[in-house]
Structure formats: C-alpha cells, structure tokens
Amino acid sequence: MSLPENFLIQLEQYGELSAGERTVFLVIFGRDLSRVQATQELILSESSLSTYLTGIYKKFKISGCGPTKENRLREFLIKRFSQAQSLALSTPDSLKPTINELVQEMR
C-alpha cells in the first residue's frame, strides 16, 4: 500500500531524516516500490539503499532484523495514516476552516 506523500512529510520523524533518507523513504513508502525498483529508480547500490533504510529505521525507532523492519515500519505508517483519516473524518464541520478563512490566512 502506498501512502500519500503529504501524510509522510508531515510525520515528526520525517524532519529528522537526511535528504537521502527522505528520498528513499518517499520512494519506498510513498510510491510502494520494492528495494530493487528503488535502487533502479534512484540509481543507488543495494548497499547504499540499506544504509539509508538503517537510518530511517533508527529515527522511527524500528528494531529487528532484515525485511521485518520494513514491514514493521509500513504497518506503523499505515496505522498512523488510518488514525489521521479517522480524526479528519470525526472533526465537526464547524471546526473545519472554510475556504474564505483559509484565503484570509494567506493574505
């Protein structure tokens, strides 16, 4: 399951990632590419990709070995996304800003 990029970049941990880690994070979890596809897309070696992923896992406090880390992070992200969706759906319309309010904020 790919996750919306705007959701991924709003995560607190995203701000802690290096530029390379951010790119790998968005490609693997935002576009749902496999490791092989990601290395081809980003023109990275498997070793470089693994290094970036290790940094990502550390910043998201994901422990374990091998592919289980990727699965655990994906499950964590899906859970957070579902929670965010539920919260957005349960917010009363009276609390949601109108388009006019948003335009005023921009001015």
PDB file of N, CA and C in Angstrom:
ATOM      1  N   MET A   1       0.845  -1.182   0.000  1.00  0.00           N
ATOM      2  CA  MET A   1       0.000   0.000   0.000  1.00  0.00           C
ATOM      3  C   MET A   1       0.887   1.242   0.000  1.00  0.00           C
ATOM      4  N   SER A   2       0.666   2.098  -0.956  1.00  0.00           N
ATOM      5  CA  SER A   2       1.408   3.354  -0.958  1.00  0.00           C
ATOM      6  C   SER A   2       0.644   4.366  -0.103  1.00  0.00           C
ATOM      7  N   LEU A   3       1.390   5.253   0.508  1.00  0.00           N
ATOM      8  CA  LEU A   3       0.806   6.262   1.389  1.00  0.00           C
ATOM      9  C   LEU A   3       0.990   7.637   0.762  1.00  0.00           C
ATOM     10  N   PRO A   4       0.057   8.548   0.978  1.00  0.00           N
ATOM     11  CA  PRO A   4       0.164   9.877   0.380  1.00  0.00           C
ATOM     12  C   PRO A   4       1.420  10.619   0.856  1.00  0.00           C
ATOM     13  N   GLU A   5       2.093  11.236  -0.089  1.00  0.00           N
ATOM     14  CA  GLU A   5       3.325  11.956   0.237  1.00  0.00           C
ATOM     15  C   GLU A   5       3.063  13.058   1.257  1.00  0.00           C
ATOM     16  N   ASN A   6       1.935  13.756   1.127  1.00  0.00           N
ATOM     17  CA  ASN A   6       1.658  14.846   2.073  1.00  0.00           C
ATOM     18  C   ASN A   6       1.501  14.329   3.504  1.00  0.00           C
ATOM     19  N   PHE A   7       1.016  13.106   3.673  1.00  0.00           N
ATOM     20  CA  PHE A   7       0.947  12.494   5.005  1.00  0.00           C
ATOM     21  C   PHE A   7       2.356  12.178   5.504  1.00  0.00           C
ATOM     22  N   LEU A   8       3.166  11.560   4.657  1.00  0.00           N
ATOM     23  CA  LEU A   8       4.509  11.132   5.064  1.00  0.00           C
ATOM     24  C   LEU A   8       5.388  12.307   5.480  1.00  0.00           C
ATOM     25  N   ILE A   9       5.302  13.413   4.746  1.00  0.00           N
ATOM     26  CA  ILE A   9       6.184  14.541   5.069  1.00  0.00           C
ATOM     27  C   ILE A   9       5.730  15.304   6.311  1.00  0.00           C
ATOM     28  N   GLN A  10       4.517  15.043   6.779  1.00  0.00           N
ATOM     29  CA  GLN A  10       4.039  15.693   7.998  1.00  0.00           C
ATOM     30  C   GLN A  10       4.431  14.938   9.264  1.00  0.00           C
ATOM     31  N   LEU A  11       4.961  13.742   9.114  1.00  0.00           N
ATOM     32  CA  LEU A  11       5.362  12.957  10.282  1.00  0.00           C
ATOM     33  C   LEU A  11       6.529  13.633  10.993  1.00  0.00           C
ATOM     34  N   GLU A  12       6.496  13.617  12.301  1.00  0.00           N
ATOM     35  CA  GLU A  12       7.552  14.236  13.110  1.00  0.00           C
ATOM     36  C   GLU A  12       8.930  13.685  12.736  1.00  0.00           C
ATOM     37  N   GLN A  13       9.029  12.378  12.559  1.00  0.00           N
ATOM     38  CA  GLN A  13      10.307  11.739  12.264  1.00  0.00           C
ATOM     39  C   GLN A  13      10.841  12.139  10.887  1.00  0.00           C
ATOM     40  N   TYR A  14       9.969  12.530   9.969  1.00  0.00           N
ATOM     41  CA  TYR A  14      10.402  12.910   8.624  1.00  0.00           C
ATOM     42  C   TYR A  14      11.396  14.068   8.696  1.00  0.00           C
ATOM     43  N   GLY A  15      11.151  14.995   9.596  1.00  0.00           N
ATOM     44  CA  GLY A  15      12.030  16.147   9.751  1.00  0.00           C
ATOM     45  C   GLY A  15      13.426  15.785  10.226  1.00  0.00           C
ATOM     46  N   GLU A  16      13.568  14.612  10.822  1.00  0.00           N
ATOM     47  CA  GLU A  16      14.866  14.161  11.320  1.00  0.00           C
ATOM     48  C   GLU A  16      15.686  13.436  10.251  1.00  0.00           C
ATOM     49  N   LEU A  17      15.056  13.095   9.136  1.00  0.00           N
ATOM     50  CA  LEU A  17      15.745  12.325   8.097  1.00  0.00           C
ATOM     51  C   LEU A  17      16.671  13.210   7.275  1.00  0.00           C
ATOM     52  N   SER A  18      17.780  12.626   6.823  1.00  0.00           N
ATOM     53  CA  SER A  18      18.680  13.332   5.909  1.00  0.00           C
ATOM     54  C   SER A  18      17.999  13.420   4.541  1.00  0.00           C
ATOM     55  N   ALA A  19      18.558  14.201   3.645  1.00  0.00           N
ATOM     56  CA  ALA A  19      17.975  14.345   2.303  1.00  0.00           C
ATOM     57  C   ALA A  19      17.887  12.996   1.591  1.00  0.00           C
ATOM     58  N   GLY A  20      18.937  12.196   1.682  1.00  0.00           N
ATOM     59  CA  GLY A  20      18.931  10.879   1.046  1.00  0.00           C
ATOM     60  C   GLY A  20      17.911   9.947   1.669  1.00  0.00           C
ATOM     61  N   GLU A  21      17.810   9.991   2.997  1.00  0.00           N
ATOM     62  CA  GLU A  21      16.829   9.155   3.697  1.00  0.00           C
ATOM     63  C   GLU A  21      15.410   9.564   3.321  1.00  0.00           C
ATOM     64  N   ARG A  22      15.185  10.862   3.184  1.00  0.00           N
ATOM     65  CA  ARG A  22      13.850  11.337   2.787  1.00  0.00           C
ATOM     66  C   ARG A  22      13.465  10.807   1.416  1.00  0.00           C
ATOM     67  N   THR A  23      14.399  10.872   0.492  1.00  0.00           N
ATOM     68  CA  THR A  23      14.125  10.392  -0.862  1.00  0.00           C
ATOM     69  C   THR A  23      13.784   8.913  -0.851  1.00  0.00           C
ATOM     70  N   VAL A  24      14.596   8.118  -0.179  1.00  0.00           N
ATOM     71  CA  VAL A  24      14.357   6.670  -0.095  1.00  0.00           C
ATOM     72  C   VAL A  24      13.026   6.404   0.605  1.00  0.00           C
ATOM     73  N   PHE A  25      12.763   7.103   1.690  1.00  0.00           N
ATOM     74  CA  PHE A  25      11.526   6.940   2.452  1.00  0.00           C
ATOM     75  C   PHE A  25      10.300   7.183   1.571  1.00  0.00           C
ATOM     76  N   LEU A  26      10.321   8.274   0.812  1.00  0.00           N
ATOM     77  CA  LEU A  26       9.173   8.602  -0.038  1.00  0.00           C
ATOM     78  C   LEU A  26       9.010   7.617  -1.189  1.00  0.00           C
ATOM     79  N   VAL A  27      10.119   7.139  -1.734  1.00  0.00           N
ATOM     80  CA  VAL A  27      10.034   6.188  -2.848  1.00  0.00           C
ATOM     81  C   VAL A  27       9.506   4.840  -2.372  1.00  0.00           C
ATOM     82  N   ILE A  28      10.016   4.354  -1.262  1.00  0.00           N
ATOM     83  CA  ILE A  28       9.617   3.018  -0.802  1.00  0.00           C
ATOM     84  C   ILE A  28       8.228   3.031  -0.159  1.00  0.00           C
ATOM     85  N   PHE A  29       7.939   4.015   0.668  1.00  0.00           N
ATOM     86  CA  PHE A  29       6.663   4.013   1.385  1.00  0.00           C
ATOM     87  C   PHE A  29       5.598   4.887   0.723  1.00  0.00           C
ATOM     88  N   GLY A  30       6.011   5.877  -0.037  1.00  0.00           N
ATOM     89  CA  GLY A  30       5.046   6.736  -0.719  1.00  0.00           C
ATOM     90  C   GLY A  30       4.649   6.221  -2.090  1.00  0.00           C
ATOM     91  N   ARG A  31       5.577   5.539  -2.747  1.00  0.00           N
ATOM     92  CA  ARG A  31       5.283   5.003  -4.080  1.00  0.00           C
ATOM     93  C   ARG A  31       5.215   3.492  -4.075  1.00  0.00           C
ATOM     94  N   ASP A  32       5.474   2.897  -2.908  1.00  0.00           N
ATOM     95  CA  ASP A  32       5.360   1.449  -2.719  1.00  0.00           C
ATOM     96  C   ASP A  32       6.244   0.660  -3.687  1.00  0.00           C
ATOM     97  N   LEU A  33       7.471   1.154  -3.886  1.00  0.00           N
ATOM     98  CA  LEU A  33       8.407   0.428  -4.744  1.00  0.00           C
ATOM     99  C   LEU A  33       9.175  -0.594  -3.916  1.00  0.00           C
ATOM    100  N   SER A  34       9.561  -1.675  -4.556  1.00  0.00           N
ATOM    101  CA  SER A  34      10.399  -2.678  -3.898  1.00  0.00           C
ATOM    102  C   SER A  34      11.815  -2.123  -3.777  1.00  0.00           C
ATOM    103  N   ARG A  35      12.650  -2.826  -3.044  1.00  0.00           N
ATOM    104  CA  ARG A  35      14.053  -2.406  -2.915  1.00  0.00           C
ATOM    105  C   ARG A  35      14.741  -2.379  -4.280  1.00  0.00           C
ATOM    106  N   VAL A  36      14.498  -3.403  -5.075  1.00  0.00           N
ATOM    107  CA  VAL A  36      15.120  -3.473  -6.406  1.00  0.00           C
ATOM    108  C   VAL A  36      14.648  -2.300  -7.259  1.00  0.00           C
ATOM    109  N   GLN A  37      13.350  -2.037  -7.258  1.00  0.00           N
ATOM    110  CA  GLN A  37      12.818  -0.913  -8.029  1.00  0.00           C
ATOM    111  C   GLN A  37      13.384   0.413  -7.524  1.00  0.00           C
ATOM    112  N   ALA A  38      13.514   0.547  -6.215  1.00  0.00           N
ATOM    113  CA  ALA A  38      14.047   1.785  -5.634  1.00  0.00           C
ATOM    114  C   ALA A  38      15.498   2.003  -6.043  1.00  0.00           C
ATOM    115  N   THR A  39      16.310   0.938  -6.023  1.00  0.00           N
ATOM    116  CA  THR A  39      17.717   1.102  -6.427  1.00  0.00           C
ATOM    117  C   THR A  39      17.806   1.517  -7.888  1.00  0.00           C
ATOM    118  N   GLN A  40      16.941   0.968  -8.722  1.00  0.00           N
ATOM    119  CA  GLN A  40      16.946   1.334 -10.141  1.00  0.00           C
ATOM    120  C   GLN A  40      16.450   2.761 -10.342  1.00  0.00           C
ATOM    121  N   GLU A  41      15.387   3.111  -9.672  1.00  0.00           N
ATOM    122  CA  GLU A  41      14.795   4.447  -9.792  1.00  0.00           C
ATOM    123  C   GLU A  41      15.762   5.530  -9.310  1.00  0.00           C
ATOM    124  N   LEU A  42      16.429   5.265  -8.191  1.00  0.00           N
ATOM    125  CA  LEU A  42      17.302   6.265  -7.573  1.00  0.00           C
ATOM    126  C   LEU A  42      18.760   6.137  -7.995  1.00  0.00           C
ATOM    127  N   ILE A  43      19.043   5.115  -8.792  1.00  0.00           N
ATOM    128  CA  ILE A  43      20.410   4.820  -9.236  1.00  0.00           C
ATOM    129  C   ILE A  43      21.334   4.705  -8.019  1.00  0.00           C
ATOM    130  N   LEU A  44      20.958   3.788  -7.128  1.00  0.00           N
ATOM    131  CA  LEU A  44      21.714   3.515  -5.905  1.00  0.00           C
ATOM    132  C   LEU A  44      22.116   2.049  -5.879  1.00  0.00           C
ATOM    133  N   SER A  45      23.209   1.770  -5.195  1.00  0.00           N
ATOM    134  CA  SER A  45      23.564   0.370  -4.959  1.00  0.00           C
ATOM    135  C   SER A  45      22.673  -0.164  -3.840  1.00  0.00           C
ATOM    136  N   GLU A  46      22.557  -1.480  -3.757  1.00  0.00           N
ATOM    137  CA  GLU A  46      21.780  -2.108  -2.677  1.00  0.00           C
ATOM    138  C   GLU A  46      22.369  -1.717  -1.321  1.00  0.00           C
ATOM    139  N   SER A  47      23.699  -1.617  -1.261  1.00  0.00           N
ATOM    140  CA  SER A  47      24.376  -1.247  -0.022  1.00  0.00           C
ATOM    141  C   SER A  47      23.996   0.171   0.415  1.00  0.00           C
ATOM    142  N   SER A  48      23.981   1.104  -0.531  1.00  0.00           N
ATOM    143  CA  SER A  48      23.597   2.485  -0.202  1.00  0.00           C
ATOM    144  C   SER A  48      22.148   2.558   0.251  1.00  0.00           C
ATOM    145  N   LEU A  49      21.284   1.830  -0.444  1.00  0.00           N
ATOM    146  CA  LEU A  49      19.875   1.802  -0.063  1.00  0.00           C
ATOM    147  C   LEU A  49      19.723   1.261   1.358  1.00  0.00           C
ATOM    148  N   SER A  50      20.445   0.194   1.668  1.00  0.00           N
ATOM    149  CA  SER A  50      20.390  -0.399   3.007  1.00  0.00           C
ATOM    150  C   SER A  50      20.867   0.579   4.069  1.00  0.00           C
ATOM    151  N   THR A  51      21.898   1.353   3.755  1.00  0.00           N
ATOM    152  CA  THR A  51      22.409   2.353   4.693  1.00  0.00           C
ATOM    153  C   THR A  51      21.345   3.406   4.981  1.00  0.00           C
ATOM    154  N   TYR A  52      20.691   3.886   3.928  1.00  0.00           N
ATOM    155  CA  TYR A  52      19.618   4.869   4.118  1.00  0.00           C
ATOM    156  C   TYR A  52      18.477   4.276   4.941  1.00  0.00           C
ATOM    157  N   LEU A  53      18.091   3.049   4.622  1.00  0.00           N
ATOM    158  CA  LEU A  53      16.999   2.403   5.356  1.00  0.00           C
ATOM    159  C   LEU A  53      17.347   2.209   6.828  1.00  0.00           C
ATOM    160  N   THR A  54      18.597   1.870   7.112  1.00  0.00           N
ATOM    161  CA  THR A  54      19.030   1.717   8.503  1.00  0.00           C
ATOM    162  C   THR A  54      18.822   3.022   9.265  1.00  0.00           C
ATOM    163  N   GLY A  55      19.195   4.134   8.649  1.00  0.00           N
ATOM    164  CA  GLY A  55      18.988   5.443   9.278  1.00  0.00           C
ATOM    165  C   GLY A  55      17.515   5.748   9.493  1.00  0.00           C
ATOM    166  N   ILE A  56      16.699   5.396   8.518  1.00  0.00           N
ATOM    167  CA  ILE A  56      15.249   5.615   8.622  1.00  0.00           C
ATOM    168  C   ILE A  56      14.684   4.810   9.783  1.00  0.00           C
ATOM    169  N   TYR A  57      15.059   3.531   9.847  1.00  0.00           N
ATOM    170  CA  TYR A  57      14.543   2.668  10.915  1.00  0.00           C
ATOM    171  C   TYR A  57      14.942   3.193  12.290  1.00  0.00           C
ATOM    172  N   LYS A  58      16.172   3.668  12.418  1.00  0.00           N
ATOM    173  CA  LYS A  58      16.634   4.196  13.706  1.00  0.00           C
ATOM    174  C   LYS A  58      15.802   5.403  14.122  1.00  0.00           C
ATOM    175  N   LYS A  59      15.530   6.291  13.184  1.00  0.00           N
ATOM    176  CA  LYS A  59      14.792   7.511  13.512  1.00  0.00           C
ATOM    177  C   LYS A  59      13.324   7.236  13.815  1.00  0.00           C
ATOM    178  N   PHE A  60      12.805   6.146  13.285  1.00  0.00           N
ATOM    179  CA  PHE A  60      11.434   5.746  13.601  1.00  0.00           C
ATOM    180  C   PHE A  60      11.405   4.734  14.751  1.00  0.00           C
ATOM    181  N   LYS A  61      12.585   4.455  15.319  1.00  0.00           N
ATOM    182  CA  LYS A  61      12.723   3.519  16.449  1.00  0.00           C
ATOM    183  C   LYS A  61      12.160   2.134  16.127  1.00  0.00           C
ATOM    184  N   ILE A  62      12.504   1.651  14.933  1.00  0.00           N
ATOM    185  CA  ILE A  62      12.095   0.317  14.490  1.00  0.00           C
ATOM    186  C   ILE A  62      13.283  -0.616  14.692  1.00  0.00           C
ATOM    187  N   SER A  63      13.081  -1.664  15.478  1.00  0.00           N
ATOM    188  CA  SER A  63      14.155  -2.629  15.711  1.00  0.00           C
ATOM    189  C   SER A  63      13.793  -3.945  15.047  1.00  0.00           C
ATOM    190  N   GLY A  64      14.739  -4.843  15.017  1.00  0.00           N
ATOM    191  CA  GLY A  64      14.511  -6.144  14.396  1.00  0.00           C
ATOM    192  C   GLY A  64      15.580  -6.424  13.365  1.00  0.00           C
ATOM    193  N   CYS A  65      15.350  -7.452  12.578  1.00  0.00           N
ATOM    194  CA  CYS A  65      16.324  -7.856  11.567  1.00  0.00           C
ATOM    195  C   CYS A  65      15.671  -7.939  10.195  1.00  0.00           C
ATOM    196  N   GLY A  66      16.466  -7.612   9.187  1.00  0.00           N
ATOM    197  CA  GLY A  66      16.070  -7.822   7.800  1.00  0.00           C
ATOM    198  C   GLY A  66      14.749  -7.203   7.397  1.00  0.00           C
ATOM    199  N   PRO A  67      14.020  -7.918   6.540  1.00  0.00           N
ATOM    200  CA  PRO A  67      12.784  -7.371   5.972  1.00  0.00           C
ATOM    201  C   PRO A  67      11.689  -7.119   7.008  1.00  0.00           C
ATOM    202  N   THR A  68      11.828  -7.690   8.188  1.00  0.00           N
ATOM    203  CA  THR A  68      10.799  -7.443   9.206  1.00  0.00           C
ATOM    204  C   THR A  68      10.755  -5.970   9.592  1.00  0.00           C
ATOM    205  N   LYS A  69      11.895  -5.284   9.531  1.00  0.00           N
ATOM    206  CA  LYS A  69      11.917  -3.860   9.858  1.00  0.00           C
ATOM    207  C   LYS A  69      11.059  -3.077   8.871  1.00  0.00           C
ATOM    208  N   GLU A  70      11.231  -3.371   7.591  1.00  0.00           N
ATOM    209  CA  GLU A  70      10.447  -2.666   6.571  1.00  0.00           C
ATOM    210  C   GLU A  70       8.955  -2.920   6.783  1.00  0.00           C
ATOM    211  N   ASN A  71       8.595  -4.157   7.066  1.00  0.00           N
ATOM    212  CA  ASN A  71       7.188  -4.498   7.301  1.00  0.00           C
ATOM    213  C   ASN A  71       6.650  -3.814   8.552  1.00  0.00           C
ATOM    214  N   ARG A  72       7.466  -3.771   9.608  1.00  0.00           N
ATOM    215  CA  ARG A  72       7.029  -3.129  10.851  1.00  0.00           C
ATOM    216  C   ARG A  72       6.843  -1.627  10.661  1.00  0.00           C
ATOM    217  N   LEU A  73       7.752  -1.001   9.920  1.00  0.00           N
ATOM    218  CA  LEU A  73       7.602   0.427   9.658  1.00  0.00           C
ATOM    219  C   LEU A  73       6.371   0.673   8.789  1.00  0.00           C
ATOM    220  N   ARG A  74       6.160  -0.151   7.783  1.00  0.00           N
ATOM    221  CA  ARG A  74       4.988   0.003   6.920  1.00  0.00           C
ATOM    222  C   ARG A  74       3.698  -0.130   7.751  1.00  0.00           C
ATOM    223  N   GLU A  75       3.654  -1.116   8.639  1.00  0.00           N
ATOM    224  CA  GLU A  75       2.477  -1.302   9.499  1.00  0.00           C
ATOM    225  C   GLU A  75       2.261  -0.086  10.400  1.00  0.00           C
ATOM    226  N   PHE A  76       3.362   0.442  10.955  1.00  0.00           N
ATOM    227  CA  PHE A  76       3.285   1.638  11.794  1.00  0.00           C
ATOM    228  C   PHE A  76       2.718   2.812  10.994  1.00  0.00           C
ATOM    229  N   LEU A  77       3.222   3.012   9.781  1.00  0.00           N
ATOM    230  CA  LEU A  77       2.781   4.127   8.947  1.00  0.00           C
ATOM    231  C   LEU A  77       1.314   3.984   8.552  1.00  0.00           C
ATOM    232  N   ILE A  78       0.910   2.779   8.203  1.00  0.00           N
ATOM    233  CA  ILE A  78      -0.492   2.541   7.829  1.00  0.00           C
ATOM    234  C   ILE A  78      -1.407   2.815   9.020  1.00  0.00           C
ATOM    235  N   LYS A  79      -0.977   2.384  10.198  1.00  0.00           N
ATOM    236  CA  LYS A  79      -1.772   2.627  11.406  1.00  0.00           C
ATOM    237  C   LYS A  79      -1.904   4.124  11.670  1.00  0.00           C
ATOM    238  N   ARG A  80      -0.797   4.843  11.578  1.00  0.00           N
ATOM    239  CA  ARG A  80      -0.824   6.299  11.786  1.00  0.00           C
ATOM    240  C   ARG A  80      -1.705   6.988  10.747  1.00  0.00           C
ATOM    241  N   PHE A  81      -1.629   6.529   9.499  1.00  0.00           N
ATOM    242  CA  PHE A  81      -2.446   7.109   8.434  1.00  0.00           C
ATOM    243  C   PHE A  81      -3.929   6.861   8.716  1.00  0.00           C
ATOM    244  N   SER A  82      -4.260   5.654   9.134  1.00  0.00           N
ATOM    245  CA  SER A  82      -5.657   5.323   9.455  1.00  0.00           C
ATOM    246  C   SER A  82      -6.165   6.190  10.601  1.00  0.00           C
ATOM    247  N   GLN A  83      -5.317   6.393  11.609  1.00  0.00           N
ATOM    248  CA  GLN A  83      -5.700   7.251  12.734  1.00  0.00           C
ATOM    249  C   GLN A  83      -5.931   8.685  12.269  1.00  0.00           C
ATOM    250  N   ALA A  84      -5.054   9.167  11.399  1.00  0.00           N
ATOM    251  CA  ALA A  84      -5.192  10.532  10.883  1.00  0.00           C
ATOM    252  C   ALA A  84      -6.472  10.669  10.071  1.00  0.00           C
ATOM    253  N   GLN A  85      -6.786   9.646   9.289  1.00  0.00           N
ATOM    254  CA  GLN A  85      -8.014   9.660   8.490  1.00  0.00           C
ATOM    255  C   GLN A  85      -9.235   9.670   9.404  1.00  0.00           C
ATOM    256  N   SER A  86      -9.213   8.848  10.445  1.00  0.00           N
ATOM    257  CA  SER A  86     -10.338   8.783  11.385  1.00  0.00           C
ATOM    258  C   SER A  86     -10.533  10.120  12.084  1.00  0.00           C
ATOM    259  N   LEU A  87      -9.438  10.732  12.474  1.00  0.00           N
ATOM    260  CA  LEU A  87      -9.509  12.026  13.148  1.00  0.00           C
ATOM    261  C   LEU A  87     -10.084  13.084  12.214  1.00  0.00           C
ATOM    262  N   ALA A  88      -9.645  13.068  10.965  1.00  0.00           N
ATOM    263  CA  ALA A  88     -10.138  14.039   9.986  1.00  0.00           C
ATOM    264  C   ALA A  88     -11.632  13.852   9.744  1.00  0.00           C
ATOM    265  N   LEU A  89     -12.074  12.605   9.716  1.00  0.00           N
ATOM    266  CA  LEU A  89     -13.492  12.329   9.477  1.00  0.00           C
ATOM    267  C   LEU A  89     -14.352  12.674  10.680  1.00  0.00           C
ATOM    268  N   SER A  90     -13.776  12.604  11.881  1.00  0.00           N
ATOM    269  CA  SER A  90     -14.562  12.860  13.086  1.00  0.00           C
ATOM    270  C   SER A  90     -14.557  14.325  13.505  1.00  0.00           C
ATOM    271  N   THR A  91     -13.771  15.159  12.825  1.00  0.00           N
ATOM    272  CA  THR A  91     -13.735  16.580  13.152  1.00  0.00           C
ATOM    273  C   THR A  91     -15.035  17.226  12.680  1.00  0.00           C
ATOM    274  N   PRO A  92     -15.763  17.868  13.582  1.00  0.00           N
ATOM    275  CA  PRO A  92     -17.024  18.502  13.175  1.00  0.00           C
ATOM    276  C   PRO A  92     -16.784  19.571  12.118  1.00  0.00           C
ATOM    277  N   ASP A  93     -17.730  19.697  11.209  1.00  0.00           N
ATOM    278  CA  ASP A  93     -17.608  20.696  10.151  1.00  0.00           C
ATOM    279  C   ASP A  93     -17.447  22.096  10.716  1.00  0.00           C
ATOM    280  N   SER A  94     -18.007  22.340  11.893  1.00  0.00           N
ATOM    281  CA  SER A  94     -17.902  23.669  12.493  1.00  0.00           C
ATOM    282  C   SER A  94     -16.466  24.022  12.867  1.00  0.00           C
ATOM    283  N   LEU A  95     -15.615  23.017  13.048  1.00  0.00           N
ATOM    284  CA  LEU A  95     -14.213  23.268  13.389  1.00  0.00           C
ATOM    285  C   LEU A  95     -13.315  23.327  12.163  1.00  0.00           C
ATOM    286  N   LYS A  96     -13.829  22.875  11.030  1.00  0.00           N
ATOM    287  CA  LYS A  96     -13.034  22.891   9.805  1.00  0.00           C
ATOM    288  C   LYS A  96     -13.074  24.298   9.215  1.00  0.00           C
ATOM    289  N   PRO A  97     -11.921  24.813   8.806  1.00  0.00           N
ATOM    290  CA  PRO A  97     -11.920  26.163   8.244  1.00  0.00           C
ATOM    291  C   PRO A  97     -12.617  26.189   6.881  1.00  0.00           C
ATOM    292  N   THR A  98     -13.275  27.297   6.609  1.00  0.00           N
ATOM    293  CA  THR A  98     -13.902  27.461   5.300  1.00  0.00           C
ATOM    294  C   THR A  98     -12.851  27.962   4.326  1.00  0.00           C
ATOM    295  N   ILE A  99     -13.179  27.913   3.058  1.00  0.00           N
ATOM    296  CA  ILE A  99     -12.243  28.396   2.038  1.00  0.00           C
ATOM    297  C   ILE A  99     -11.961  29.882   2.245  1.00  0.00           C
ATOM    298  N   ASN A 100     -12.973  30.647   2.656  1.00  0.00           N
ATOM    299  CA  ASN A 100     -12.772  32.079   2.892  1.00  0.00           C
ATOM    300  C   ASN A 100     -11.809  32.328   4.048  1.00  0.00           C
ATOM    301  N   GLU A 101     -11.912  31.522   5.107  1.00  0.00           N
ATOM    302  CA  GLU A 101     -10.986  31.661   6.236  1.00  0.00           C
ATOM    303  C   GLU A 101      -9.565  31.347   5.808  1.00  0.00           C
ATOM    304  N   LEU A 102      -9.417  30.319   4.986  1.00  0.00           N
ATOM    305  CA  LEU A 102      -8.083  29.952   4.511  1.00  0.00           C
ATOM    306  C   LEU A 102      -7.496  31.047   3.629  1.00  0.00           C
ATOM    307  N   VAL A 103      -8.323  31.657   2.790  1.00  0.00           N
ATOM    308  CA  VAL A 103      -7.854  32.749   1.931  1.00  0.00           C
ATOM    309  C   VAL A 103      -7.412  33.920   2.793  1.00  0.00           C
ATOM    310  N   GLN A 104      -8.169  34.227   3.844  1.00  0.00           N
ATOM    311  CA  GLN A 104      -7.807  35.327   4.735  1.00  0.00           C
ATOM    312  C   GLN A 104      -6.473  35.064   5.426  1.00  0.00           C
ATOM    313  N   GLU A 105      -6.231  33.805   5.818  1.00  0.00           N
ATOM    314  CA  GLU A 105      -4.956  33.454   6.444  1.00  0.00           C
ATOM    315  C   GLU A 105      -3.800  33.673   5.485  1.00  0.00           C
ATOM    316  N   MET A 106      -4.030  33.427   4.216  1.00  0.00           N
ATOM    317  CA  MET A 106      -2.972  33.568   3.211  1.00  0.00           C
ATOM    318  C   MET A 106      -2.631  35.033   2.986  1.00  0.00           C
ATOM    319  N   ARG A 107      -3.594  35.921   3.191  1.00  0.00           N
ATOM    320  CA  ARG A 107      -3.371  37.351   2.939  1.00  0.00           C
ATOM    321  C   ARG A 107      -2.656  37.939   4.065  1.00  0.00           C
TER     322      ARG A 107
END
